[in-house]
Amino acid sequence: MKRPCYGVGDTYVAWYPTTEERKDVACTIAFYLLNAMNAEPEFKGFNYVISDVVRFLPSHDFFTIMLKNGKIVHHCPENYYDFLAWLRSHQIPDVRESWTKELDQNTSP
């Protein structure tokens, strides 16, 4: 990638981003790449579309997933964290997190 140069008289001064600027650019690129990947309604190796998924329960190396038709399925993705990111990017609730929120709401005075 060619870096921009700014002319100063007959000489050119190369611009090099600061550490903070590099972090901002890296975060922005990662954000767009993840969102582009996670915007897909289907996940490779998973036999259902995201609109069929109601909730999920992560385990050590597999997921228990509740579908809209009431069926419970188990899925062992090749990449656990990509699958988790895909579910979260579509705001599918984690059973443990949603159950904890419900408990907190019911036990508050």
Protein backbone atom coordinates (compact mmCIF):
# COMPACT_ATOMS: atom_id res chain seq x y z
CA MET A 1 0.00 0.00 0.00
CA LYS A 2 1.43 3.34 -1.00
CA ARG A 3 1.52 5.86 1.83
CA PRO A 4 0.50 9.44 1.09
CA CYS A 5 3.31 11.97 0.88
CA TYR A 6 2.97 15.66 1.45
CA GLY A 7 5.18 18.08 -0.48
CA VAL A 8 7.30 20.55 1.43
CA GLY A 9 9.06 22.66 -1.13
CA ASP A 10 11.16 20.32 -3.28
CA THR A 11 11.17 17.55 -0.65
CA TYR A 12 8.45 15.14 0.30
CA VAL A 13 7.69 14.05 3.82
CA ALA A 14 6.12 10.63 4.20
CA TRP A 15 3.14 10.35 6.54
CA TYR A 16 3.22 7.42 8.92
CA PRO A 17 0.19 6.84 11.13
CA THR A 18 0.57 6.92 14.89
CA THR A 19 -0.11 3.84 16.98
CA GLU A 20 -3.59 5.15 17.85
CA GLU A 21 -4.39 5.81 14.19
CA ARG A 22 -3.27 2.28 13.27
CA LYS A 23 -5.47 0.82 16.03
CA ASP A 24 -8.47 2.84 14.83
CA VAL A 25 -7.98 1.69 11.24
CA ALA A 26 -7.48 -1.94 12.30
CA CYS A 27 -10.63 -1.86 14.46
CA THR A 28 -12.66 -0.29 11.67
CA ILE A 29 -11.49 -2.88 9.14
CA ALA A 30 -12.14 -5.75 11.56
CA PHE A 31 -15.62 -4.36 12.34
CA TYR A 32 -16.61 -4.19 8.67
CA LEU A 33 -15.14 -7.60 7.86
CA LEU A 34 -16.92 -9.27 10.77
CA ASN A 35 -20.21 -7.58 9.99
CA ALA A 36 -19.94 -8.54 6.33
CA MET A 37 -19.25 -12.16 7.29
CA ASN A 38 -21.89 -12.25 10.02
CA ALA A 39 -24.62 -10.58 7.96
CA GLU A 40 -25.13 -13.85 6.10
CA PRO A 41 -28.40 -15.63 6.99
CA GLU A 42 -26.67 -19.02 6.77
CA PHE A 43 -23.52 -20.35 8.40
CA LYS A 44 -21.42 -22.93 6.58
CA GLY A 45 -22.09 -26.39 8.01
CA PHE A 46 -25.21 -25.32 9.92
CA ASN A 47 -28.40 -26.68 8.34
CA TYR A 48 -30.70 -23.84 9.41
CA VAL A 49 -31.00 -20.14 8.59
CA ILE A 50 -30.66 -17.54 11.31
CA SER A 51 -34.39 -16.73 11.20
CA ASP A 52 -35.07 -20.28 12.47
CA VAL A 53 -32.94 -19.80 15.61
CA VAL A 54 -34.59 -18.60 18.83
CA ARG A 55 -31.90 -19.13 21.51
CA PHE A 56 -28.62 -20.93 21.98
CA LEU A 57 -26.64 -22.46 24.80
CA PRO A 58 -22.88 -22.65 24.25
CA SER A 59 -20.90 -25.52 25.67
CA HIS A 60 -17.20 -26.31 25.53
CA ASP A 61 -17.13 -27.39 21.88
CA PHE A 62 -20.76 -27.47 20.70
CA PHE A 63 -23.97 -25.46 20.82
CA THR A 64 -27.47 -26.47 21.86
CA ILE A 65 -29.89 -24.46 19.74
CA MET A 66 -33.63 -23.94 20.09
CA LEU A 67 -35.44 -23.42 16.79
CA LYS A 68 -38.72 -21.57 16.19
CA ASN A 69 -40.53 -24.85 15.53
CA GLY A 70 -39.63 -25.97 19.09
CA LYS A 71 -36.98 -28.42 17.96
CA ILE A 72 -33.69 -28.59 19.90
CA VAL A 73 -30.58 -29.28 17.81
CA HIS A 74 -26.89 -29.63 18.61
CA HIS A 75 -24.20 -28.19 16.39
CA CYS A 76 -20.42 -28.68 16.49
CA PRO A 77 -18.99 -25.95 14.25
CA GLU A 78 -15.51 -26.15 12.76
CA ASN A 79 -14.76 -22.73 14.22
CA TYR A 80 -16.50 -22.26 17.57
CA TYR A 81 -15.79 -18.52 17.87
CA ASP A 82 -16.91 -17.65 14.33
CA PHE A 83 -20.21 -19.43 14.95
CA LEU A 84 -20.62 -17.64 18.30
CA ALA A 85 -19.90 -14.28 16.64
CA TRP A 86 -22.43 -15.10 13.90
CA LEU A 87 -25.15 -15.84 16.48
CA ARG A 88 -24.37 -12.73 18.50
CA SER A 89 -24.22 -10.47 15.44
CA HIS A 90 -27.82 -11.48 14.74
CA GLN A 91 -28.74 -10.76 18.40
CA ILE A 92 -29.74 -14.34 19.14
CA PRO A 93 -29.97 -14.55 22.95
CA ASP A 94 -27.69 -16.83 24.94
CA VAL A 95 -29.91 -18.87 27.27
CA ARG A 96 -27.65 -18.25 30.26
CA GLU A 97 -27.54 -14.49 29.77
CA SER A 98 -31.27 -14.12 29.12
CA TRP A 99 -32.13 -16.40 32.06
CA THR A 100 -29.88 -14.37 34.38
CA LYS A 101 -31.54 -11.13 33.25
CA GLU A 102 -34.98 -12.61 33.90
CA LEU A 103 -33.91 -13.71 37.38
CA ASP A 104 -32.52 -10.25 38.16
CA GLN A 105 -35.75 -8.60 37.02
CA ASN A 106 -37.94 -10.97 39.08
CA THR A 107 -35.88 -10.69 42.27
CA SER A 108 -35.40 -6.92 42.30
CA PRO A 109 -37.51 -5.09 44.94
